[in-house]
């Protein structure tokens, strides 16, 4: 990145997060924490099993 427009474009893109968590309460808590990160946008995908997470990664 050589100029400020490249940096601003990076900041406007969502950070993709794959959450593999089988406890619904923990998953909800993590969603809330991520939602509170006001300066950064996140695109969260939640699965309960590692095999489901791997499938998501393959499809990406």
N, C-alpha and C. Protein backbone atom coordinates (compact mmCIF):
# COMPACT_ATOMS: atom_id res chain seq x y z
N UNK A 1 0.84 -1.18 0.00
CA UNK A 1 0.00 0.00 0.00
C UNK A 1 0.88 1.23 0.00
N UNK A 2 0.70 2.01 -1.03
CA UNK A 2 1.57 3.17 -1.16
C UNK A 2 0.87 4.49 -0.95
N UNK A 3 -0.45 4.51 -0.87
CA UNK A 3 -1.10 5.80 -0.67
C UNK A 3 -2.26 5.67 0.31
N UNK A 4 -2.79 6.81 0.73
CA UNK A 4 -3.84 6.83 1.75
C UNK A 4 -5.13 6.20 1.27
N UNK A 5 -5.43 6.27 -0.03
CA UNK A 5 -6.67 5.67 -0.51
C UNK A 5 -6.64 4.16 -0.35
N UNK A 6 -5.46 3.55 -0.49
CA UNK A 6 -5.35 2.11 -0.27
C UNK A 6 -5.67 1.77 1.19
N UNK A 7 -5.20 2.57 2.12
CA UNK A 7 -5.45 2.33 3.54
C UNK A 7 -6.92 2.52 3.85
N UNK A 8 -7.55 3.55 3.31
CA UNK A 8 -8.97 3.78 3.59
C UNK A 8 -9.83 2.67 3.00
N UNK A 9 -9.44 2.13 1.85
CA UNK A 9 -10.18 1.01 1.27
C UNK A 9 -10.07 -0.21 2.15
N UNK A 10 -8.90 -0.44 2.73
CA UNK A 10 -8.72 -1.57 3.63
C UNK A 10 -9.61 -1.43 4.85
N UNK A 11 -9.70 -0.21 5.38
CA UNK A 11 -10.50 0.02 6.57
C UNK A 11 -11.99 -0.14 6.31
N UNK A 12 -12.45 0.02 5.07
CA UNK A 12 -13.86 -0.10 4.76
C UNK A 12 -14.28 -1.54 4.51
N UNK A 13 -13.33 -2.43 4.31
CA UNK A 13 -13.66 -3.82 4.06
C UNK A 13 -13.89 -4.54 5.39
N UNK A 14 -14.84 -5.48 5.35
CA UNK A 14 -15.13 -6.27 6.55
C UNK A 14 -14.06 -7.33 6.73
N UNK A 15 -13.71 -7.57 7.97
CA UNK A 15 -12.80 -8.66 8.32
C UNK A 15 -13.65 -9.91 8.49
N UNK A 16 -13.32 -10.94 7.74
CA UNK A 16 -14.08 -12.19 7.82
C UNK A 16 -13.58 -13.02 8.98
N UNK A 17 -14.53 -13.46 9.82
CA UNK A 17 -14.21 -14.25 11.00
C UNK A 17 -15.01 -15.55 10.94
N UNK A 18 -14.33 -16.65 11.11
CA UNK A 18 -14.99 -17.95 11.22
C UNK A 18 -14.93 -18.37 12.68
N UNK A 19 -16.08 -18.46 13.29
CA UNK A 19 -16.18 -18.86 14.70
C UNK A 19 -16.68 -20.29 14.77
N UNK A 20 -15.87 -21.16 15.34
CA UNK A 20 -16.26 -22.56 15.55
C UNK A 20 -16.45 -22.72 17.05
N UNK A 21 -17.71 -22.78 17.46
CA UNK A 21 -18.04 -22.83 18.89
C UNK A 21 -19.34 -23.61 19.06
N UNK A 22 -19.30 -24.64 19.90
CA UNK A 22 -20.49 -25.46 20.07
C UNK A 22 -21.38 -25.01 21.23
N UNK A 23 -20.92 -24.03 21.99
CA UNK A 23 -21.73 -23.52 23.09
C UNK A 23 -22.46 -22.25 22.63
N UNK A 24 -23.79 -22.31 22.52
CA UNK A 24 -24.54 -21.15 22.02
C UNK A 24 -24.32 -19.87 22.84
N UNK A 25 -24.19 -20.01 24.14
CA UNK A 25 -23.96 -18.84 25.00
C UNK A 25 -22.63 -18.18 24.70
N UNK A 26 -21.59 -18.99 24.54
CA UNK A 26 -20.27 -18.45 24.22
C UNK A 26 -20.27 -17.80 22.84
N UNK A 27 -20.95 -18.44 21.89
CA UNK A 27 -21.02 -17.88 20.54
C UNK A 27 -21.73 -16.53 20.56
N UNK A 28 -22.82 -16.42 21.32
CA UNK A 28 -23.55 -15.15 21.43
C UNK A 28 -22.67 -14.07 22.05
N UNK A 29 -21.93 -14.44 23.10
CA UNK A 29 -21.04 -13.48 23.75
C UNK A 29 -19.98 -12.96 22.78
N UNK A 30 -19.39 -13.85 22.01
CA UNK A 30 -18.37 -13.44 21.05
C UNK A 30 -18.97 -12.55 19.97
N UNK A 31 -20.19 -12.88 19.51
CA UNK A 31 -20.89 -12.01 18.53
C UNK A 31 -21.06 -10.60 19.08
N UNK A 32 -21.48 -10.51 20.34
CA UNK A 32 -21.69 -9.21 20.97
C UNK A 32 -20.38 -8.43 21.08
N UNK A 33 -19.31 -9.11 21.46
CA UNK A 33 -18.01 -8.44 21.58
C UNK A 33 -17.56 -7.91 20.22
N UNK A 34 -17.73 -8.72 19.19
CA UNK A 34 -17.34 -8.29 17.84
C UNK A 34 -18.21 -7.13 17.37
N UNK A 35 -19.51 -7.19 17.67
CA UNK A 35 -20.42 -6.11 17.26
C UNK A 35 -20.05 -4.79 17.92
N UNK A 36 -19.48 -4.85 19.12
CA UNK A 36 -19.11 -3.64 19.84
C UNK A 36 -17.82 -3.00 19.33
N UNK A 37 -17.11 -3.67 18.44
CA UNK A 37 -15.88 -3.11 17.86
C UNK A 37 -16.30 -2.09 16.80
N UNK A 38 -16.61 -0.90 17.23
CA UNK A 38 -17.25 0.10 16.36
C UNK A 38 -16.37 0.59 15.22
N UNK A 39 -15.07 0.56 15.36
CA UNK A 39 -14.22 1.11 14.30
C UNK A 39 -13.91 0.09 13.21
N UNK A 40 -14.31 -1.15 13.40
CA UNK A 40 -13.99 -2.20 12.44
C UNK A 40 -15.25 -2.99 12.11
N UNK A 41 -15.43 -3.30 10.84
CA UNK A 41 -16.56 -4.13 10.42
C UNK A 41 -16.10 -5.58 10.34
N UNK A 42 -16.95 -6.46 10.85
CA UNK A 42 -16.67 -7.88 10.82
C UNK A 42 -17.81 -8.61 10.12
N UNK A 43 -17.45 -9.64 9.37
CA UNK A 43 -18.43 -10.55 8.78
C UNK A 43 -18.21 -11.89 9.46
N UNK A 44 -19.11 -12.23 10.40
CA UNK A 44 -18.92 -13.42 11.22
C UNK A 44 -19.75 -14.59 10.69
N UNK A 45 -19.08 -15.72 10.54
CA UNK A 45 -19.75 -16.97 10.20
C UNK A 45 -19.55 -17.91 11.38
N UNK A 46 -20.65 -18.46 11.87
CA UNK A 46 -20.58 -19.33 13.05
C UNK A 46 -20.97 -20.75 12.67
N UNK A 47 -20.16 -21.70 13.08
CA UNK A 47 -20.48 -23.11 12.96
C UNK A 47 -20.25 -23.77 14.31
N UNK A 48 -20.88 -24.90 14.50
CA UNK A 48 -20.73 -25.61 15.78
C UNK A 48 -19.67 -26.70 15.72
N UNK A 49 -19.30 -27.12 14.52
CA UNK A 49 -18.36 -28.24 14.38
C UNK A 49 -17.19 -27.86 13.47
N UNK A 50 -16.01 -28.39 13.76
CA UNK A 50 -14.86 -28.12 12.89
C UNK A 50 -15.09 -28.56 11.44
N UNK A 51 -15.79 -29.67 11.24
CA UNK A 51 -16.05 -30.12 9.86
C UNK A 51 -16.89 -29.10 9.10
N UNK A 52 -17.84 -28.46 9.79
CA UNK A 52 -18.64 -27.41 9.15
C UNK A 52 -17.78 -26.19 8.84
N UNK A 53 -16.87 -25.87 9.74
CA UNK A 53 -15.95 -24.75 9.52
C UNK A 53 -15.06 -24.99 8.31
N UNK A 54 -14.55 -26.21 8.19
CA UNK A 54 -13.73 -26.55 7.02
C UNK A 54 -14.52 -26.44 5.73
N UNK A 55 -15.79 -26.84 5.77
CA UNK A 55 -16.63 -26.71 4.58
C UNK A 55 -16.79 -25.23 4.20
N UNK A 56 -16.98 -24.39 5.20
CA UNK A 56 -17.10 -22.95 4.93
C UNK A 56 -15.83 -22.41 4.29
N UNK A 57 -14.68 -22.84 4.79
CA UNK A 57 -13.42 -22.38 4.23
C UNK A 57 -13.23 -22.84 2.79
N UNK A 58 -13.62 -24.07 2.51
CA UNK A 58 -13.51 -24.59 1.15
C UNK A 58 -14.39 -23.81 0.18
N UNK A 59 -15.58 -23.40 0.65
CA UNK A 59 -16.52 -22.68 -0.20
C UNK A 59 -16.10 -21.23 -0.42
N UNK A 60 -15.25 -20.71 0.41
CA UNK A 60 -14.84 -19.29 0.35
C UNK A 60 -13.92 -19.04 -0.82
